[in-house]
Amino acid sequence: MKLNLGAGNSVIADFEPRDIKRGDSLYPLPDADGSVDEIRASHVLEHFSHREVDAVLREWARVLKPGAEYMIRCPSLALQCKAYMNGTWNADVASLMIFGGQTNPGDYHCVGFDRTSITNHLEAAGLRVTSVREDDVPQDRGFINLSLFVKGRKAGAATPARRVTAGRKDTGRAIHVLWEGLQFIHHSLALVNRELCLRLAARPDIE
């Protein structure tokens, strides 16, 4: 089974379309664990709240088979900012591209990504990134949003972590992180700690 999430009117051969306009749920998904061979999600992830992104990606990873491929397309915040700062987009165009058309409740953009952030979110969900491409499309024939194309695979089946017992040497790689306090606050190490946690969670040798 292959899923085209947020399909809209697009049709991809051999992919089952799923779209909220048709009443389909994109989070959570109704599919069984490890039952999906491939996922494509074009311009849908940015419509979820920034508070939901990690949970959404974990849900998509849940239904993928180990080693299965995925492709995600979403706006590139870096290219969007560049287009505004160099005058290619004025404030009105930038607002439309960054925050969405806002023609209906589902047409709002709630989060922005660059190469680093999308990679961190995906790897934290167990989705390995194999390539990231940014398309700086010329804006001389009408305004077109500027996108990130991310491809990768779900990590293979995890090896259960060994627990440490008294009198026995630790041969496993289990780390438990307890986060207390705010994740985002100025003049603190919160952002540094968050980045370290994301990198730890993405390592294949750590449960």
Protein backbone atom coordinates (compact mmCIF):
# COMPACT_ATOMS: atom_id res chain seq x y z
CA MET A 1 0.00 0.00 0.00
CA LYS A 2 1.24 3.49 -0.91
CA LEU A 3 -0.34 6.67 0.50
CA ASN A 4 -0.62 10.12 -1.05
CA LEU A 5 -1.39 12.26 2.01
CA GLY A 6 -3.04 15.63 1.39
CA ALA A 7 -3.69 14.51 -2.16
CA GLY A 8 -6.17 17.23 -3.10
CA ASN A 9 -6.95 16.79 -6.78
CA SER A 10 -3.60 15.22 -7.64
CA VAL A 11 -3.52 11.62 -8.79
CA ILE A 12 -0.39 9.47 -8.49
CA ALA A 13 -0.47 6.02 -10.05
CA ASP A 14 -0.46 3.18 -7.50
CA PHE A 15 -0.97 5.60 -4.58
CA GLU A 16 -4.13 5.73 -2.48
CA PRO A 17 -5.26 9.36 -2.10
CA ARG A 18 -5.99 10.63 1.40
CA ASP A 19 -7.25 14.18 1.90
CA ILE A 20 -9.06 15.97 4.73
CA LYS A 21 -11.43 17.55 2.21
CA ARG A 22 -12.73 14.04 1.53
CA GLY A 23 -13.10 13.36 5.24
CA ASP A 24 -9.89 11.33 5.50
CA SER A 25 -7.83 11.53 8.67
CA LEU A 26 -4.14 12.28 8.13
CA TYR A 27 -3.43 12.16 11.88
CA PRO A 28 -4.05 9.69 13.27
CA LEU A 29 -3.99 7.27 10.34
CA PRO A 30 -6.35 4.29 10.32
CA ASP A 31 -3.68 1.92 8.96
CA ALA A 32 -2.03 -0.86 10.92
CA ASP A 33 1.55 -0.65 12.18
CA GLY A 34 4.11 -1.33 9.45
CA SER A 35 1.50 -1.78 6.72
CA VAL A 36 2.46 1.01 4.29
CA ASP A 37 5.14 0.72 1.59
CA GLU A 38 5.55 4.42 0.83
CA ILE A 39 4.18 7.82 1.84
CA ARG A 40 4.09 11.02 -0.16
CA ALA A 41 2.92 14.18 1.58
CA SER A 42 2.98 17.34 -0.51
CA HIS A 43 2.28 20.65 1.21
CA VAL A 44 0.39 19.14 4.12
CA LEU A 45 2.80 19.07 7.08
CA GLU A 46 2.83 22.87 7.41
CA HIS A 47 -0.93 22.82 8.03
CA PHE A 48 -0.46 21.05 11.38
CA SER A 49 0.30 23.05 14.52
CA HIS A 50 3.99 23.34 15.41
CA ARG A 51 2.98 21.59 18.63
CA GLU A 52 1.74 18.56 16.66
CA VAL A 53 4.51 18.11 14.09
CA ASP A 54 6.55 15.56 16.03
CA ALA A 55 3.46 13.48 16.89
CA VAL A 56 2.26 13.62 13.26
CA LEU A 57 5.60 12.39 11.94
CA ARG A 58 5.74 9.61 14.54
CA GLU A 59 2.27 8.54 13.40
CA TRP A 60 3.34 8.48 9.75
CA ALA A 61 6.45 6.54 10.74
CA ARG A 62 4.31 4.06 12.69
CA VAL A 63 2.42 2.87 9.62
CA LEU A 64 5.50 2.63 7.36
CA LYS A 65 7.26 -0.67 6.99
CA PRO A 66 10.90 -0.72 8.16
CA GLY A 67 12.99 0.58 5.27
CA ALA A 68 9.96 2.01 3.45
CA GLU A 69 10.43 5.29 1.57
CA TYR A 70 8.77 8.64 2.10
CA MET A 71 8.75 12.01 0.35
CA ILE A 72 7.66 15.25 2.00
CA ARG A 73 7.27 18.59 0.28
CA CYS A 74 6.74 21.74 2.32
CA PRO A 75 7.58 25.46 2.09
CA SER A 76 11.21 26.47 2.65
CA LEU A 77 11.22 29.17 5.30
CA ALA A 78 14.79 30.09 4.35
CA LEU A 79 13.89 30.71 0.70
CA GLN A 80 10.69 32.51 1.68
CA CYS A 81 12.63 34.91 3.92
CA LYS A 82 15.23 35.39 1.19
CA ALA A 83 12.51 36.29 -1.33
CA TYR A 84 11.10 38.89 1.04
CA MET A 85 14.45 40.34 2.13
CA ASN A 86 15.73 40.77 -1.45
CA GLY A 87 12.49 42.43 -2.56
CA THR A 88 11.24 39.63 -4.82
CA TRP A 89 8.17 39.38 -2.59
CA ASN A 90 6.56 42.33 -0.85
CA ALA A 91 4.99 41.91 2.59
CA ASP A 92 1.59 40.95 1.19
CA VAL A 93 2.99 38.19 -1.03
CA ALA A 94 5.28 36.94 1.75
CA SER A 95 2.33 36.81 4.16
CA LEU A 96 0.31 34.76 1.67
CA MET A 97 3.14 32.32 1.03
CA ILE A 98 4.27 31.94 4.65
CA PHE A 99 0.90 31.94 6.44
CA GLY A 100 -1.29 30.34 3.75
CA GLY A 101 -4.19 31.47 1.60
CA GLN A 102 -6.57 31.39 4.59
CA THR A 103 -9.60 30.80 2.36
CA ASN A 104 -10.94 28.13 4.73
CA PRO A 105 -10.03 26.70 8.18
CA GLY A 106 -7.67 24.16 6.58
CA ASP A 107 -5.81 26.75 4.49
CA TYR A 108 -3.57 28.12 7.25
CA HIS A 109 0.15 27.43 7.61
CA CYS A 110 1.06 26.81 11.24
CA VAL A 111 4.79 26.01 11.13
CA GLY A 112 7.85 26.76 9.00
CA PHE A 113 10.84 24.56 8.18
CA ASP A 114 14.37 24.89 6.89
CA ARG A 115 16.81 22.10 6.02
CA THR A 116 18.01 21.66 9.59
CA SER A 117 14.66 21.76 11.33
CA ILE A 118 12.85 19.36 9.00
CA THR A 119 15.77 16.92 9.23
CA ASN A 120 15.75 17.07 13.03
CA HIS A 121 11.99 16.48 13.23
CA LEU A 122 12.10 13.56 10.80
CA GLU A 123 15.06 11.82 12.39
CA ALA A 124 13.52 12.24 15.85
CA ALA A 125 10.52 10.29 14.50
CA GLY A 126 12.73 7.46 13.24
CA LEU A 127 12.66 8.61 9.62
CA ARG A 128 16.12 8.74 8.06
CA VAL A 129 16.77 11.58 5.60
CA THR A 130 18.58 10.66 2.38
CA SER A 131 18.21 13.91 0.43
CA VAL A 132 16.97 17.48 0.85
CA ARG A 133 16.44 19.77 -2.12
CA GLU A 134 15.33 23.40 -2.15
CA ASP A 135 13.72 24.84 -5.27
CA ASP A 136 14.41 28.57 -5.64
CA VAL A 137 11.86 28.92 -8.44
CA PRO A 138 12.07 32.17 -10.47
CA GLN A 139 9.15 34.48 -9.73
CA ASP A 140 9.09 36.19 -13.11
CA ARG A 141 5.98 34.37 -14.35
CA GLY A 142 3.80 34.79 -11.30
CA PHE A 143 4.37 34.12 -7.64
CA ILE A 144 5.07 30.49 -6.74
CA ASN A 145 5.83 29.22 -3.26
CA LEU A 146 9.39 28.06 -2.60
CA SER A 147 9.67 24.49 -1.40
CA LEU A 148 11.76 21.88 0.34
CA PHE A 149 11.71 18.34 -1.06
CA VAL A 150 12.79 15.76 1.51
CA LYS A 151 13.26 12.07 0.76
CA GLY A 152 14.23 9.26 3.06
CA ARG A 153 13.41 5.89 4.60
CA LYS A 154 12.03 4.61 7.84
CA ALA A 155 14.76 3.20 10.03
CA GLY A 156 14.98 -0.57 10.34
CA ALA A 157 13.62 -2.47 13.30
CA ALA A 158 15.18 -1.26 16.51
CA THR A 159 17.23 -3.60 18.68
CA PRO A 160 15.77 -3.78 22.20
CA ALA A 161 17.90 -1.88 24.68
CA ARG A 162 19.60 -3.95 27.38
CA ARG A 163 18.96 -2.91 30.94
CA VAL A 164 21.67 -2.50 33.57
CA THR A 165 21.41 -4.93 36.49
CA ALA A 166 23.39 -4.99 39.70
CA GLY A 167 26.71 -6.74 39.36
CA ARG A 168 26.44 -6.89 35.58
CA LYS A 169 28.37 -4.76 33.10
CA ASP A 170 26.23 -2.49 30.95
CA THR A 171 26.39 -3.65 27.33
CA GLY A 172 23.43 -1.63 26.04
CA ARG A 173 22.84 1.94 24.94
CA ALA A 174 19.73 3.10 26.79
CA ILE A 175 19.33 6.77 27.68
CA HIS A 176 16.34 8.27 29.47
CA VAL A 177 15.85 12.02 29.28
CA LEU A 178 13.58 13.87 31.71
CA TRP A 179 12.81 17.41 30.53
CA GLU A 180 11.65 19.91 33.11
CA GLY A 181 10.80 23.53 32.33
CA LEU A 182 10.25 25.41 29.08
CA GLN A 183 11.63 24.22 25.76
CA PHE A 184 11.86 27.71 24.27
CA ILE A 185 13.05 30.64 26.37
CA HIS A 186 15.56 33.39 25.69
CA HIS A 187 18.93 33.62 27.47
CA SER A 188 19.03 30.01 28.57
CA LEU A 189 20.35 26.65 27.44
CA ALA A 190 16.84 25.41 26.58
CA LEU A 191 17.41 25.50 22.80
CA VAL A 192 20.81 23.86 23.17
CA ASN A 193 19.29 21.11 25.33
CA ARG A 194 16.47 20.60 22.84
CA GLU A 195 18.94 20.19 19.97
CA LEU A 196 20.99 17.68 21.96
CA CYS A 197 17.86 15.67 22.79
CA LEU A 198 16.83 15.60 19.12
CA ARG A 199 20.27 14.36 18.10
CA LEU A 200 20.23 11.66 20.77
CA ALA A 201 16.77 10.51 19.71
CA ALA A 202 17.90 10.28 16.08
CA ARG A 203 20.90 8.03 16.81
CA PRO A 204 20.28 4.45 15.66
CA ASP A 205 22.41 2.98 18.47
CA ILE A 206 20.32 4.48 21.27
CA GLU A 207 16.89 3.37 22.44
